[in-house]
N, C-alpha and C. Protein backbone atom coordinates (compact mmCIF):
# COMPACT_ATOMS: atom_id res chain seq x y z
N MET A 1 0.59 -1.52 -28.23
CA MET A 1 -0.13 -1.58 -27.10
C MET A 1 -1.26 -0.22 -26.90
N ASP A 2 -2.48 -0.42 -26.56
CA ASP A 2 -3.40 0.07 -26.65
C ASP A 2 -3.05 1.10 -25.54
N LYS A 3 -3.67 2.54 -25.62
CA LYS A 3 -3.58 3.34 -24.84
C LYS A 3 -4.27 3.27 -23.70
N TRP A 4 -5.67 2.49 -23.34
CA TRP A 4 -6.33 2.31 -22.48
C TRP A 4 -5.57 1.46 -21.48
N LEU A 5 -4.09 0.88 -21.80
CA LEU A 5 -3.37 0.49 -20.78
C LEU A 5 -2.54 1.36 -19.55
N ILE A 6 -2.48 2.59 -20.28
CA ILE A 6 -1.61 3.66 -19.44
C ILE A 6 -2.42 4.59 -19.22
N SER A 7 -3.83 4.45 -19.22
CA SER A 7 -4.91 5.41 -18.42
C SER A 7 -4.47 5.32 -16.83
N PRO A 8 -4.75 6.60 -16.27
CA PRO A 8 -4.47 6.27 -14.67
C PRO A 8 -5.08 5.57 -13.87
N PRO A 9 -6.21 5.34 -14.17
CA PRO A 9 -7.14 4.08 -13.43
C PRO A 9 -6.37 3.01 -13.37
N VAL A 10 -6.26 2.27 -14.96
CA VAL A 10 -5.80 1.00 -15.26
C VAL A 10 -4.04 0.83 -14.75
N ALA A 11 -3.30 1.96 -14.62
CA ALA A 11 -1.69 2.12 -14.58
C ALA A 11 -2.31 1.88 -12.61
N PHE A 12 -3.14 2.49 -12.11
CA PHE A 12 -2.94 2.21 -10.37
C PHE A 12 -3.46 0.90 -10.22
N LEU A 13 -4.27 0.57 -10.90
CA LEU A 13 -4.63 -1.19 -10.25
C LEU A 13 -3.28 -1.79 -10.83
N ILE A 14 -2.95 -1.44 -11.85
CA ILE A 14 -2.10 -2.62 -12.48
C ILE A 14 -0.80 -2.70 -10.99
N ASN A 15 -0.17 -1.21 -10.63
CA ASN A 15 0.87 -0.70 -9.80
C ASN A 15 0.19 -1.58 -8.07
N PHE A 16 -1.19 -1.48 -7.86
CA PHE A 16 -1.62 -1.86 -6.82
C PHE A 16 -1.76 -3.68 -6.56
N ILE A 17 -2.19 -3.84 -7.59
CA ILE A 17 -2.14 -5.56 -7.71
C ILE A 17 -0.34 -6.20 -7.91
N PHE A 18 0.31 -5.20 -8.46
CA PHE A 18 1.67 -5.91 -8.17
C PHE A 18 2.02 -5.45 -7.11
N ILE A 19 1.98 -4.47 -6.31
CA ILE A 19 2.88 -4.38 -4.77
C ILE A 19 2.23 -5.09 -4.07
N SER A 20 0.55 -5.39 -4.13
CA SER A 20 0.22 -5.99 -3.17
C SER A 20 0.68 -8.18 -3.31
N GLY A 21 1.13 -8.26 -4.47
CA GLY A 21 1.71 -8.90 -4.52
C GLY A 21 3.06 -9.69 -4.10
N MET A 22 3.27 -8.87 -4.24
CA MET A 22 4.96 -8.50 -3.63
C MET A 22 5.03 -8.27 -2.61
N ALA A 23 3.88 -8.01 -1.93
CA ALA A 23 4.02 -7.71 -0.36
C ALA A 23 3.47 -8.80 0.31
N ALA A 24 2.72 -9.52 -0.38
CA ALA A 24 2.17 -11.03 0.22
C ALA A 24 3.22 -11.87 0.11
N ALA A 25 4.09 -11.98 -0.80
CA ALA A 25 5.25 -12.94 -1.30
C ALA A 25 6.35 -12.62 -0.41
N LEU A 26 6.77 -11.32 -0.03
CA LEU A 26 7.58 -11.00 0.82
C LEU A 26 7.50 -11.01 2.33
N SER A 27 6.11 -11.22 2.59
CA SER A 27 6.26 -11.36 4.36
C SER A 27 6.50 -12.36 5.16
N THR A 28 6.60 -13.43 4.04
CA THR A 28 7.43 -14.21 4.46
C THR A 28 8.76 -14.60 5.41
N LEU A 29 8.98 -13.37 4.68
CA LEU A 29 10.36 -12.87 5.20
C LEU A 29 10.57 -11.99 6.28
N ALA A 30 9.47 -11.51 6.57
CA ALA A 30 9.29 -10.62 7.51
C ALA A 30 9.41 -11.40 8.78
N LEU A 31 10.11 -10.52 10.07
CA LEU A 31 10.45 -10.77 11.45
C LEU A 31 9.35 -10.94 12.01
N LYS A 32 9.17 -12.18 12.80
CA LYS A 32 8.07 -12.28 13.79
C LYS A 32 8.26 -12.21 15.08
N VAL A 33 7.37 -11.45 15.61
CA VAL A 33 7.23 -11.18 17.38
C VAL A 33 7.17 -12.62 18.21
N LYS A 34 7.97 -13.27 18.83
CA LYS A 34 7.83 -14.31 19.75
C LYS A 34 6.99 -14.16 20.76
N GLU A 35 7.22 -13.19 21.35
CA GLU A 35 6.66 -13.09 22.60
C GLU A 35 6.09 -11.37 22.72
N LYS A 36 5.20 -10.86 23.51
CA LYS A 36 5.08 -9.46 23.46
C LYS A 36 5.70 -9.01 24.41
N THR A 37 6.65 -7.64 24.31
CA THR A 37 6.97 -7.05 25.43
C THR A 37 6.32 -6.48 26.31
N LYS A 38 6.69 -6.17 27.73
CA LYS A 38 6.32 -5.11 28.57
C LYS A 38 6.16 -3.68 27.93
N GLY A 39 5.07 -2.96 27.77
CA GLY A 39 4.64 -1.62 27.20
C GLY A 39 4.74 -0.94 25.56
N THR A 40 4.20 -2.35 25.40
CA THR A 40 3.99 -2.44 23.92
C THR A 40 2.77 -2.07 23.56
N GLY A 41 2.20 -1.24 23.03
CA GLY A 41 0.74 -0.44 23.03
C GLY A 41 0.48 0.51 23.70
N GLU A 42 1.56 0.46 24.32
CA GLU A 42 1.69 2.04 25.32
C GLU A 42 2.20 3.85 24.62
N SER A 43 1.46 4.75 24.79
CA SER A 43 2.40 5.67 24.34
C SER A 43 4.02 5.90 24.44
N TYR A 44 4.45 6.32 23.72
CA TYR A 44 5.92 6.71 23.96
C TYR A 44 6.17 8.19 24.43
N ALA A 45 6.47 8.14 25.67
CA ALA A 45 6.71 9.54 26.48
C ALA A 45 8.00 9.67 26.58
N CYS A 46 9.08 9.58 25.41
CA CYS A 46 10.50 10.04 26.27
C CYS A 46 11.44 9.33 27.20
N GLY A 47 10.77 7.94 27.15
CA GLY A 47 11.44 7.16 28.53
C GLY A 47 10.83 7.53 29.66
N GLU A 48 9.83 8.56 29.94
CA GLU A 48 9.13 8.94 30.95
C GLU A 48 7.57 8.04 31.77
N SER A 49 7.51 7.17 32.72
CA SER A 49 6.39 6.68 33.00
C SER A 49 5.46 7.59 33.10
N ASN A 50 5.79 8.44 33.99
CA ASN A 50 4.80 9.41 34.25
C ASN A 50 4.98 10.89 33.51
N TYR A 51 3.96 10.53 32.11
CA TYR A 51 4.06 11.41 31.04
C TYR A 51 3.00 12.37 31.26
N ASN A 52 2.80 13.58 30.94
CA ASN A 52 1.92 14.47 31.58
C ASN A 52 0.85 15.14 29.87
N PRO A 53 0.20 14.50 29.57
CA PRO A 53 -0.66 14.93 28.47
C PRO A 53 -0.79 16.25 28.48
N MET A 54 -0.95 16.99 29.13
CA MET A 54 -1.26 18.32 29.42
C MET A 54 -0.39 19.37 28.78
N ALA A 55 1.28 18.64 28.92
CA ALA A 55 2.36 19.21 28.63
C ALA A 55 2.25 20.08 27.02
N GLN A 56 2.29 21.38 27.13
CA GLN A 56 2.41 22.22 25.68
C GLN A 56 3.64 22.53 25.48
N PRO A 57 3.97 22.32 24.40
CA PRO A 57 5.45 22.97 23.93
C PRO A 57 5.11 24.34 23.81
N ASP A 58 6.36 25.31 24.03
CA ASP A 58 6.26 26.52 23.15
C ASP A 58 6.78 27.00 21.91
N TYR A 59 6.06 27.37 21.38
CA TYR A 59 6.60 27.55 19.92
C TYR A 59 6.55 29.08 19.92
N SER A 60 6.86 30.11 20.76
CA SER A 60 6.85 31.32 19.97
C SER A 60 8.29 31.69 19.79
N GLN A 61 9.55 31.25 19.84
CA GLN A 61 10.24 31.30 19.45
C GLN A 61 10.65 30.47 17.84
N PHE A 62 10.03 29.67 17.49
CA PHE A 62 10.05 29.08 16.26
C PHE A 62 9.10 29.65 14.92
N PHE A 63 8.05 30.00 15.20
CA PHE A 63 7.37 30.61 14.31
C PHE A 63 7.75 32.00 13.94
N PRO A 64 8.51 33.04 14.39
CA PRO A 64 9.23 34.38 13.93
C PRO A 64 10.64 33.75 12.97
N PHE A 65 11.28 32.77 13.40
CA PHE A 65 12.41 32.05 12.45
C PHE A 65 11.72 31.49 11.53
N ALA A 66 10.70 30.80 11.32
CA ALA A 66 9.89 29.93 10.19
C ALA A 66 9.62 30.80 9.41
N PHE A 67 8.92 32.16 9.64
CA PHE A 67 8.70 33.30 8.60
C PHE A 67 9.97 33.97 8.09
N PHE A 68 10.56 34.34 9.07
CA PHE A 68 12.08 35.17 8.44
C PHE A 68 12.64 34.20 7.19
N PHE A 69 13.12 32.50 7.54
CA PHE A 69 12.96 31.49 6.29
C PHE A 69 12.68 31.59 5.62
N THR A 70 11.08 31.77 5.93
CA THR A 70 10.28 31.36 4.46
C THR A 70 10.50 33.07 3.39
N ILE A 71 10.05 33.72 3.86
CA ILE A 71 10.07 35.02 3.49
C ILE A 71 11.72 35.12 2.95
N ALA A 72 12.58 35.03 3.40
CA ALA A 72 14.19 35.21 2.76
C ALA A 72 14.17 34.15 1.59
N HIS A 73 14.07 32.97 1.60
CA HIS A 73 13.86 32.06 0.67
C HIS A 73 12.46 32.34 -0.25
N VAL A 74 11.96 32.97 -0.18
CA VAL A 74 10.63 33.50 -1.09
C VAL A 74 11.25 34.56 -2.07
N ALA A 75 11.84 35.59 -1.00
CA ALA A 75 12.92 36.61 -1.81
C ALA A 75 14.00 36.46 -2.73
N THR A 76 14.54 35.54 -2.25
CA THR A 76 15.86 34.84 -3.05
C THR A 76 15.51 34.72 -4.33
N LEU A 77 14.26 33.52 -4.28
CA LEU A 77 13.86 32.86 -5.48
C LEU A 77 12.87 33.74 -6.41
N MET A 78 12.63 35.07 -5.73
CA MET A 78 11.92 35.95 -6.88
C MET A 78 13.25 36.71 -7.44
N VAL A 79 13.94 36.82 -6.67
CA VAL A 79 15.04 38.38 -7.08
C VAL A 79 15.89 36.93 -8.22
N ALA A 80 16.21 35.55 -8.31
CA ALA A 80 16.61 34.94 -8.63
C ALA A 80 16.21 34.53 -9.92
N MET A 81 14.97 34.77 -10.18
CA MET A 81 13.93 34.32 -11.42
C MET A 81 13.52 36.01 -12.32
N ILE A 82 14.47 37.02 -11.77
CA ILE A 82 14.21 38.17 -12.68
C ILE A 82 15.23 37.57 -14.25
N PRO A 83 14.48 38.47 -15.12
CA PRO A 83 14.98 37.78 -16.68
C PRO A 83 16.30 39.38 -16.80
N ALA A 84 16.98 38.38 -17.57
CA ALA A 84 18.15 39.39 -17.82
C ALA A 84 17.77 40.57 -18.69
N GLY A 85 18.21 41.90 -18.58
CA GLY A 85 18.20 42.68 -19.56
C GLY A 85 16.99 43.78 -19.43
N SER A 86 16.07 43.49 -18.39
CA SER A 86 14.79 44.09 -18.55
C SER A 86 14.95 44.91 -17.43
N PRO A 87 14.94 46.49 -17.54
CA PRO A 87 15.03 47.38 -16.05
C PRO A 87 14.01 47.47 -15.53
N HIS A 88 12.88 47.40 -15.96
CA HIS A 88 11.37 47.77 -15.34
C HIS A 88 11.41 46.63 -14.70
N VAL A 89 11.61 45.63 -14.75
CA VAL A 89 11.94 44.16 -13.91
C VAL A 89 12.44 44.47 -12.83
N LEU A 90 13.81 44.82 -12.74
CA LEU A 90 14.74 45.15 -12.08
C LEU A 90 14.22 46.09 -10.94
N GLY A 91 13.51 46.98 -11.40
CA GLY A 91 13.04 47.78 -10.40
C GLY A 91 11.87 47.67 -9.59
N MET A 92 11.11 47.22 -10.48
CA MET A 92 9.96 46.51 -9.64
C MET A 92 10.63 45.36 -8.60
N ALA A 93 11.49 44.65 -8.53
CA ALA A 93 12.14 43.60 -8.06
C ALA A 93 13.42 44.80 -6.81
N LEU A 94 13.27 45.41 -6.97
CA LEU A 94 13.98 46.14 -5.95
C LEU A 94 12.93 46.66 -5.10
N ILE A 95 11.90 47.49 -5.69
CA ILE A 95 10.93 47.58 -4.61
C ILE A 95 10.34 46.26 -3.88
N TYR A 96 10.05 45.38 -4.34
CA TYR A 96 9.93 43.78 -3.61
C TYR A 96 10.59 43.72 -2.57
N LEU A 97 12.18 43.95 -2.93
CA LEU A 97 13.24 43.52 -1.85
C LEU A 97 12.90 44.60 -1.12
N PHE A 98 12.57 46.16 -1.15
CA PHE A 98 12.55 46.96 -0.05
C PHE A 98 11.20 46.65 1.20
N ALA A 99 10.19 45.84 0.18
CA ALA A 99 8.92 45.57 0.85
C ALA A 99 9.63 44.46 1.76
N VAL A 100 10.34 43.43 1.55
CA VAL A 100 11.04 42.35 2.30
C VAL A 100 11.67 43.04 3.16
N VAL A 101 12.44 43.77 3.07
CA VAL A 101 13.47 43.96 4.31
C VAL A 101 12.30 44.89 5.32
N VAL A 102 11.51 45.37 5.13
CA VAL A 102 10.75 46.07 5.64
C VAL A 102 10.17 45.65 6.67
N GLY A 103 9.38 44.13 5.98
CA GLY A 103 8.67 43.22 6.65
C GLY A 103 9.51 42.67 7.68
N LEU A 104 10.77 42.36 7.01
CA LEU A 104 11.60 41.63 8.10
C LEU A 104 11.71 42.32 9.21
N PHE A 105 12.46 43.30 8.97
CA PHE A 105 12.59 44.38 10.35
C PHE A 105 11.06 44.39 11.25
N ILE A 106 9.97 44.50 10.47
CA ILE A 106 8.78 44.46 11.48
C ILE A 106 8.54 43.07 12.46
N LEU A 107 8.79 42.15 11.42
CA LEU A 107 8.59 40.68 11.74
C LEU A 107 9.63 40.47 13.15
N LEU A 108 11.19 41.30 12.96
CA LEU A 108 12.21 40.68 14.20
C LEU A 108 12.10 41.72 15.35
N GLY A 109 11.43 43.03 14.60
CA GLY A 109 11.71 44.17 15.72
C GLY A 109 10.39 43.98 16.77
N ARG A 110 9.90 42.74 17.00
CA ARG A 110 8.97 43.00 18.45
C ARG A 110 10.08 42.16 19.49
C-alpha cells in the first residue's frame, strides 16, 4: 500500500466520500414530514408563548462554583502527578497547595 493513501488529505476525502454515500443511501429510510405543524420554525421558549428575549439569566452564583471546581481539580491533578521519591518536588507541591487554599479562601470569602 502506498503511503499517499494514508496522508491526512487523502484519508479525509476517502472518509468524506464514504460518509456522503452512506448518508445518501440511508436517507431513503428517514422519516418524512407529512404536514407542517403549527409552531414549526418559531423559537422554543420553554412552552411560553410570550417569551421575553431580553431576559438574562443570573450567573453570579455559577462562576465562583465553576472557578472552585476548576482550581480544586487542577490542584488534585498536580498533586497526583508528583513523582515518588523526590522531596524537593514535594516541597514545591506543598507550597502550590498552600497557594491554592489561599486562593480558594479569597474566592469564597466574598
